[in-house]
Amino acid sequence: MGNKIEGTVSSHTAYMREYRKNLKNKEYMKNYRKNNRKHINETDIEWRHTHPEPIRTSNSNYRIRNKKIKNAQRMALRHIPLEGFCELCPEDDKRIATERHHPDYDYPLIVIFSCKECHHYADEGE
């Protein structure tokens, strides 16, 4: 199960992602959650007791540790609308920009419009 290799997901995780996309399986999962709510809640409570740091705390700790990054992302989101195509894609295969990449967080309003895949590679290169 925990066979996560850097940059990839385990085969089980990939299988479950594909499984959840199927409309028939979505209905099954919805009905399962509805009919087994008590069991699901019990296992959730048990999981929270075995994991000492709640998710909300870890998220807020991330925001505190990365204040400059979060401020730059917030400013870009508010002041720079997404428009046009990815600036990092090759000329023959341009995709629509869905994300903003900050080359330098000291300048939060200087962004590069990118697709999800190119943004991933831009972040790896830094």
N, C-alpha and C. Protein backbone atom coordinates (compact mmCIF):
# COMPACT_ATOMS: atom_id res chain seq x y z
N MET A 1 0.80 -1.19 0.00
CA MET A 1 0.00 0.00 0.00
C MET A 1 0.85 1.26 0.00
N GLY A 2 1.73 1.45 0.94
CA GLY A 2 2.50 2.67 1.05
C GLY A 2 3.69 2.69 0.11
N ASN A 3 3.53 2.18 -1.10
CA ASN A 3 4.62 2.12 -2.07
C ASN A 3 4.70 3.39 -2.90
N LYS A 4 4.63 4.53 -2.27
CA LYS A 4 4.68 5.78 -3.03
C LYS A 4 6.13 6.09 -3.37
N ILE A 5 6.41 6.14 -4.64
CA ILE A 5 7.74 6.51 -5.12
C ILE A 5 7.70 7.99 -5.42
N GLU A 6 8.82 8.68 -5.21
CA GLU A 6 8.86 10.13 -5.40
C GLU A 6 8.35 10.51 -6.78
N GLY A 7 7.30 11.36 -6.80
CA GLY A 7 6.76 11.84 -8.06
C GLY A 7 5.69 10.94 -8.66
N THR A 8 5.42 9.78 -8.06
CA THR A 8 4.40 8.88 -8.59
C THR A 8 3.48 8.44 -7.45
N VAL A 9 2.40 7.80 -7.84
CA VAL A 9 1.50 7.26 -6.83
C VAL A 9 1.50 5.75 -6.94
N SER A 10 1.08 5.09 -5.88
CA SER A 10 1.05 3.64 -5.89
C SER A 10 0.01 3.15 -6.90
N SER A 11 0.12 1.91 -7.30
CA SER A 11 -0.82 1.35 -8.27
C SER A 11 -2.23 1.30 -7.67
N HIS A 12 -2.33 1.06 -6.36
CA HIS A 12 -3.63 1.02 -5.71
C HIS A 12 -4.30 2.40 -5.75
N THR A 13 -3.52 3.45 -5.49
CA THR A 13 -4.06 4.81 -5.52
C THR A 13 -4.54 5.16 -6.92
N ALA A 14 -3.75 4.81 -7.92
CA ALA A 14 -4.14 5.09 -9.32
C ALA A 14 -5.40 4.32 -9.67
N TYR A 15 -5.50 3.07 -9.22
CA TYR A 15 -6.68 2.26 -9.48
C TYR A 15 -7.92 2.90 -8.86
N MET A 16 -7.80 3.34 -7.60
CA MET A 16 -8.94 3.92 -6.91
C MET A 16 -9.38 5.24 -7.55
N ARG A 17 -8.44 6.02 -8.06
CA ARG A 17 -8.81 7.27 -8.75
C ARG A 17 -9.64 6.97 -9.98
N GLU A 18 -9.22 5.97 -10.75
CA GLU A 18 -9.97 5.58 -11.95
C GLU A 18 -11.32 4.99 -11.57
N TYR A 19 -11.36 4.20 -10.50
CA TYR A 19 -12.60 3.56 -10.04
C TYR A 19 -13.64 4.62 -9.68
N ARG A 20 -13.20 5.68 -8.99
CA ARG A 20 -14.13 6.71 -8.55
C ARG A 20 -14.68 7.54 -9.71
N LYS A 21 -14.01 7.56 -10.85
CA LYS A 21 -14.47 8.35 -12.00
C LYS A 21 -15.69 7.74 -12.68
N ASN A 22 -15.87 6.44 -12.58
CA ASN A 22 -16.97 5.74 -13.23
C ASN A 22 -18.29 6.13 -12.56
N LEU A 23 -19.28 6.52 -13.37
CA LEU A 23 -20.56 7.00 -12.85
C LEU A 23 -21.25 5.95 -11.99
N LYS A 24 -21.21 4.69 -12.42
CA LYS A 24 -21.83 3.60 -11.66
C LYS A 24 -21.18 3.46 -10.29
N ASN A 25 -19.85 3.60 -10.25
CA ASN A 25 -19.13 3.49 -8.99
C ASN A 25 -19.39 4.70 -8.08
N LYS A 26 -19.59 5.87 -8.69
CA LYS A 26 -19.91 7.06 -7.90
C LYS A 26 -21.23 6.85 -7.15
N GLU A 27 -22.21 6.29 -7.84
CA GLU A 27 -23.50 6.02 -7.20
C GLU A 27 -23.33 5.01 -6.06
N TYR A 28 -22.53 3.96 -6.31
CA TYR A 28 -22.30 2.94 -5.29
C TYR A 28 -21.64 3.58 -4.06
N MET A 29 -20.61 4.41 -4.28
CA MET A 29 -19.90 5.04 -3.17
C MET A 29 -20.83 5.97 -2.39
N LYS A 30 -21.67 6.70 -3.11
CA LYS A 30 -22.62 7.62 -2.46
C LYS A 30 -23.58 6.84 -1.56
N ASN A 31 -24.12 5.75 -2.10
CA ASN A 31 -25.05 4.92 -1.32
C ASN A 31 -24.34 4.25 -0.15
N TYR A 32 -23.11 3.80 -0.35
CA TYR A 32 -22.35 3.16 0.73
C TYR A 32 -22.16 4.14 1.88
N ARG A 33 -21.72 5.37 1.56
CA ARG A 33 -21.52 6.37 2.61
C ARG A 33 -22.83 6.68 3.33
N LYS A 34 -23.93 6.73 2.58
CA LYS A 34 -25.24 7.04 3.17
C LYS A 34 -25.67 5.91 4.12
N ASN A 35 -25.50 4.66 3.70
CA ASN A 35 -25.97 3.51 4.48
C ASN A 35 -25.02 3.11 5.61
N ASN A 36 -23.76 3.53 5.57
CA ASN A 36 -22.78 3.12 6.58
C ASN A 36 -22.17 4.32 7.30
N ARG A 37 -22.96 5.35 7.46
CA ARG A 37 -22.47 6.59 8.07
C ARG A 37 -21.89 6.36 9.47
N LYS A 38 -22.54 5.53 10.28
CA LYS A 38 -22.07 5.30 11.64
C LYS A 38 -20.69 4.65 11.64
N HIS A 39 -20.51 3.63 10.82
CA HIS A 39 -19.22 2.95 10.73
C HIS A 39 -18.12 3.90 10.24
N ILE A 40 -18.44 4.70 9.23
CA ILE A 40 -17.47 5.64 8.68
C ILE A 40 -17.07 6.66 9.73
N ASN A 41 -18.03 7.18 10.47
CA ASN A 41 -17.74 8.14 11.53
C ASN A 41 -16.85 7.53 12.62
N GLU A 42 -17.11 6.27 12.98
CA GLU A 42 -16.29 5.60 13.99
C GLU A 42 -14.85 5.45 13.52
N THR A 43 -14.67 5.03 12.27
CA THR A 43 -13.30 4.88 11.77
C THR A 43 -12.60 6.23 11.63
N ASP A 44 -13.34 7.28 11.29
CA ASP A 44 -12.76 8.62 11.23
C ASP A 44 -12.28 9.07 12.59
N ILE A 45 -13.10 8.83 13.62
CA ILE A 45 -12.73 9.21 14.99
C ILE A 45 -11.49 8.44 15.43
N GLU A 46 -11.47 7.14 15.12
CA GLU A 46 -10.32 6.31 15.47
C GLU A 46 -9.05 6.83 14.78
N TRP A 47 -9.16 7.20 13.51
CA TRP A 47 -8.01 7.72 12.77
C TRP A 47 -7.50 9.01 13.40
N ARG A 48 -8.41 9.89 13.79
CA ARG A 48 -8.00 11.16 14.39
C ARG A 48 -7.26 10.94 15.71
N HIS A 49 -7.67 9.90 16.48
CA HIS A 49 -7.00 9.63 17.74
C HIS A 49 -5.60 9.05 17.53
N THR A 50 -5.39 8.33 16.45
CA THR A 50 -4.08 7.73 16.20
C THR A 50 -3.12 8.68 15.50
N HIS A 51 -3.62 9.77 14.94
CA HIS A 51 -2.77 10.76 14.27
C HIS A 51 -2.76 12.03 15.12
N PRO A 52 -1.64 12.33 15.76
CA PRO A 52 -1.61 13.38 16.78
C PRO A 52 -1.89 14.79 16.26
N GLU A 53 -1.46 15.11 15.06
CA GLU A 53 -1.62 16.48 14.58
C GLU A 53 -2.81 16.56 13.64
N PRO A 54 -3.85 17.29 14.01
CA PRO A 54 -5.01 17.40 13.13
C PRO A 54 -4.64 18.09 11.82
N ILE A 55 -5.40 17.80 10.80
CA ILE A 55 -5.13 18.35 9.48
C ILE A 55 -5.19 19.87 9.51
N ARG A 56 -6.17 20.43 10.19
CA ARG A 56 -6.28 21.89 10.23
C ARG A 56 -5.05 22.53 10.84
N THR A 57 -4.50 21.91 11.87
CA THR A 57 -3.31 22.44 12.51
C THR A 57 -2.13 22.40 11.54
N SER A 58 -1.98 21.29 10.83
CA SER A 58 -0.86 21.21 9.91
C SER A 58 -1.02 22.22 8.77
N ASN A 59 -2.25 22.46 8.32
CA ASN A 59 -2.46 23.48 7.29
C ASN A 59 -2.11 24.86 7.81
N SER A 60 -2.53 25.18 9.04
CA SER A 60 -2.23 26.50 9.58
C SER A 60 -0.73 26.64 9.84
N ASN A 61 -0.07 25.55 10.26
CA ASN A 61 1.38 25.60 10.44
C ASN A 61 2.07 25.86 9.10
N TYR A 62 1.59 25.25 8.03
CA TYR A 62 2.16 25.49 6.70
C TYR A 62 2.03 26.97 6.34
N ARG A 63 0.85 27.55 6.61
CA ARG A 63 0.64 28.96 6.28
C ARG A 63 1.59 29.85 7.08
N ILE A 64 1.84 29.50 8.32
CA ILE A 64 2.74 30.29 9.16
C ILE A 64 4.18 30.16 8.65
N ARG A 65 4.61 28.95 8.35
CA ARG A 65 5.98 28.74 7.89
C ARG A 65 6.23 29.34 6.51
N ASN A 66 5.20 29.41 5.68
CA ASN A 66 5.36 29.88 4.30
C ASN A 66 4.53 31.14 4.04
N LYS A 67 4.66 32.09 4.94
CA LYS A 67 3.86 33.30 4.87
C LYS A 67 4.08 34.07 3.56
N LYS A 68 5.33 34.17 3.12
CA LYS A 68 5.65 34.91 1.90
C LYS A 68 4.99 34.25 0.69
N ILE A 69 5.04 32.93 0.63
CA ILE A 69 4.45 32.18 -0.47
C ILE A 69 2.93 32.37 -0.49
N LYS A 70 2.30 32.19 0.66
CA LYS A 70 0.84 32.32 0.72
C LYS A 70 0.39 33.74 0.39
N ASN A 71 1.12 34.76 0.85
CA ASN A 71 0.76 36.14 0.52
C ASN A 71 0.88 36.40 -0.98
N ALA A 72 1.94 35.88 -1.60
CA ALA A 72 2.12 36.06 -3.05
C ALA A 72 0.99 35.37 -3.81
N GLN A 73 0.63 34.17 -3.39
CA GLN A 73 -0.46 33.45 -4.06
C GLN A 73 -1.77 34.21 -3.92
N ARG A 74 -2.03 34.73 -2.73
CA ARG A 74 -3.27 35.47 -2.49
C ARG A 74 -3.33 36.75 -3.32
N MET A 75 -2.23 37.48 -3.38
CA MET A 75 -2.20 38.72 -4.17
C MET A 75 -2.41 38.43 -5.65
N ALA A 76 -1.74 37.41 -6.16
CA ALA A 76 -1.88 37.06 -7.58
C ALA A 76 -3.32 36.63 -7.88
N LEU A 77 -3.92 35.89 -6.98
CA LEU A 77 -5.29 35.43 -7.18
C LEU A 77 -6.25 36.61 -7.25
N ARG A 78 -6.04 37.61 -6.41
CA ARG A 78 -6.93 38.77 -6.37
C ARG A 78 -6.70 39.76 -7.51
N HIS A 79 -5.45 39.94 -7.93
CA HIS A 79 -5.13 41.04 -8.84
C HIS A 79 -4.80 40.63 -10.28
N ILE A 80 -4.53 39.37 -10.51
CA ILE A 80 -4.12 38.95 -11.86
C ILE A 80 -5.06 37.87 -12.36
N PRO A 81 -5.97 38.20 -13.29
CA PRO A 81 -6.87 37.17 -13.81
C PRO A 81 -6.13 36.20 -14.74
N LEU A 82 -6.56 34.95 -14.70
CA LEU A 82 -5.98 33.96 -15.61
C LEU A 82 -6.50 34.22 -17.02
N GLU A 83 -5.60 34.31 -17.96
CA GLU A 83 -6.04 34.54 -19.34
C GLU A 83 -4.98 33.98 -20.28
N GLY A 84 -5.42 33.57 -21.43
CA GLY A 84 -4.50 33.13 -22.46
C GLY A 84 -4.01 31.72 -22.30
N PHE A 85 -2.86 31.48 -22.93
CA PHE A 85 -2.29 30.14 -23.00
C PHE A 85 -1.05 30.03 -22.13
N CYS A 86 -0.63 28.81 -21.88
CA CYS A 86 0.55 28.52 -21.08
C CYS A 86 1.78 29.12 -21.75
N GLU A 87 2.58 29.85 -20.98
CA GLU A 87 3.78 30.48 -21.51
C GLU A 87 4.96 29.51 -21.55
N LEU A 88 4.82 28.35 -20.94
CA LEU A 88 5.92 27.39 -20.85
C LEU A 88 5.78 26.23 -21.83
N CYS A 89 4.60 26.03 -22.39
CA CYS A 89 4.38 24.94 -23.34
C CYS A 89 5.16 25.21 -24.64
N PRO A 90 5.58 24.16 -25.34
CA PRO A 90 6.22 24.36 -26.64
C PRO A 90 5.22 25.00 -27.63
N GLU A 91 5.74 25.70 -28.60
CA GLU A 91 4.90 26.46 -29.55
C GLU A 91 3.87 25.59 -30.26
N ASP A 92 4.21 24.35 -30.58
CA ASP A 92 3.30 23.51 -31.35
C ASP A 92 2.23 22.83 -30.50
N ASP A 93 2.31 22.96 -29.17
CA ASP A 93 1.36 22.27 -28.29
C ASP A 93 0.93 23.19 -27.14
N LYS A 94 0.36 24.34 -27.46
CA LYS A 94 -0.06 25.30 -26.43
C LYS A 94 -1.36 24.84 -25.77
N ARG A 95 -1.40 24.90 -24.43
CA ARG A 95 -2.60 24.58 -23.67
C ARG A 95 -3.07 25.84 -22.94
N ILE A 96 -4.31 25.84 -22.53
CA ILE A 96 -4.86 26.98 -21.81
C ILE A 96 -4.23 27.06 -20.41
N ALA A 97 -3.87 28.27 -20.01
CA ALA A 97 -3.25 28.48 -18.70
C ALA A 97 -4.30 28.29 -17.60
N THR A 98 -3.98 27.47 -16.61
CA THR A 98 -4.89 27.22 -15.50
C THR A 98 -4.27 27.62 -14.16
N GLU A 99 -2.97 27.96 -14.15
CA GLU A 99 -2.28 28.27 -12.91
C GLU A 99 -1.32 29.43 -13.10
N ARG A 100 -0.92 30.05 -11.97
CA ARG A 100 0.06 31.13 -11.98
C ARG A 100 1.33 30.62 -11.31
N HIS A 101 2.48 30.79 -11.96
CA HIS A 101 3.76 30.36 -11.40
C HIS A 101 4.54 31.60 -10.97
N HIS A 102 5.00 31.61 -9.72
CA HIS A 102 5.83 32.72 -9.21
C HIS A 102 7.30 32.33 -9.32
N PRO A 103 8.06 32.97 -10.22
CA PRO A 103 9.50 32.68 -10.26
C PRO A 103 10.21 33.20 -9.00
N ASP A 104 9.69 34.30 -8.42
CA ASP A 104 10.30 34.88 -7.22
C ASP A 104 9.18 35.43 -6.34
N TYR A 105 9.06 34.90 -5.12
CA TYR A 105 7.97 35.31 -4.23
C TYR A 105 8.15 36.72 -3.68
N ASP A 106 9.35 37.31 -3.84
CA ASP A 106 9.55 38.70 -3.41
C ASP A 106 8.78 39.67 -4.30
N TYR A 107 8.42 39.23 -5.50
CA TYR A 107 7.66 40.05 -6.45
C TYR A 107 6.35 39.32 -6.74
N PRO A 108 5.35 39.47 -5.87
CA PRO A 108 4.14 38.64 -5.96
C PRO A 108 3.28 38.90 -7.19
N LEU A 109 3.42 40.05 -7.84
CA LEU A 109 2.58 40.33 -9.00
C LEU A 109 3.27 40.00 -10.32
N ILE A 110 4.47 39.44 -10.27
CA ILE A 110 5.13 38.96 -11.47
C ILE A 110 4.92 37.46 -11.53
N VAL A 111 4.07 37.03 -12.45
CA VAL A 111 3.72 35.60 -12.57
C VAL A 111 3.86 35.15 -14.01
N ILE A 112 3.98 33.86 -14.17
CA ILE A 112 3.99 33.23 -15.48
C ILE A 112 2.74 32.37 -15.54
N PHE A 113 1.93 32.55 -16.58
CA PHE A 113 0.74 31.73 -16.75
C PHE A 113 1.17 30.37 -17.28
N SER A 114 0.66 29.31 -16.64
CA SER A 114 1.07 27.97 -17.04
C SER A 114 -0.07 26.97 -16.89
N CYS A 115 0.07 25.85 -17.59
CA CYS A 115 -0.86 24.74 -17.39
C CYS A 115 -0.34 23.95 -16.18
N LYS A 116 -1.12 23.02 -15.70
CA LYS A 116 -0.77 22.26 -14.50
C LYS A 116 0.54 21.49 -14.68
N GLU A 117 0.71 20.85 -15.83
CA GLU A 117 1.90 20.03 -16.07
C GLU A 117 3.17 20.88 -16.12
N CYS A 118 3.11 22.00 -16.85
CA CYS A 118 4.29 22.87 -16.96
C CYS A 118 4.61 23.51 -15.61
N HIS A 119 3.60 23.83 -14.82
CA HIS A 119 3.81 24.43 -13.50
C HIS A 119 4.59 23.44 -12.61
N HIS A 120 4.22 22.18 -12.72
CA HIS A 120 4.91 21.14 -11.95
C HIS A 120 6.40 21.12 -12.32
N TYR A 121 6.70 21.14 -13.61
CA TYR A 121 8.10 21.11 -14.05
C TYR A 121 8.83 22.39 -13.69
N ALA A 122 8.14 23.54 -13.74
CA ALA A 122 8.76 24.82 -13.36
C ALA A 122 9.14 24.81 -11.88
N ASP A 123 8.29 24.23 -11.04
CA ASP A 123 8.58 24.17 -9.61
C ASP A 123 9.73 23.19 -9.32
N GLU A 124 9.82 22.12 -10.08
CA GLU A 124 10.91 21.15 -9.88
C GLU A 124 12.27 21.77 -10.22
N GLY A 125 12.29 22.64 -11.23
CA GLY A 125 13.54 23.22 -11.70
C GLY A 125 14.13 24.25 -10.76
N GLU A 126 13.37 24.72 -9.79
CA GLU A 126 13.88 25.76 -8.90
C GLU A 126 14.69 25.20 -7.77
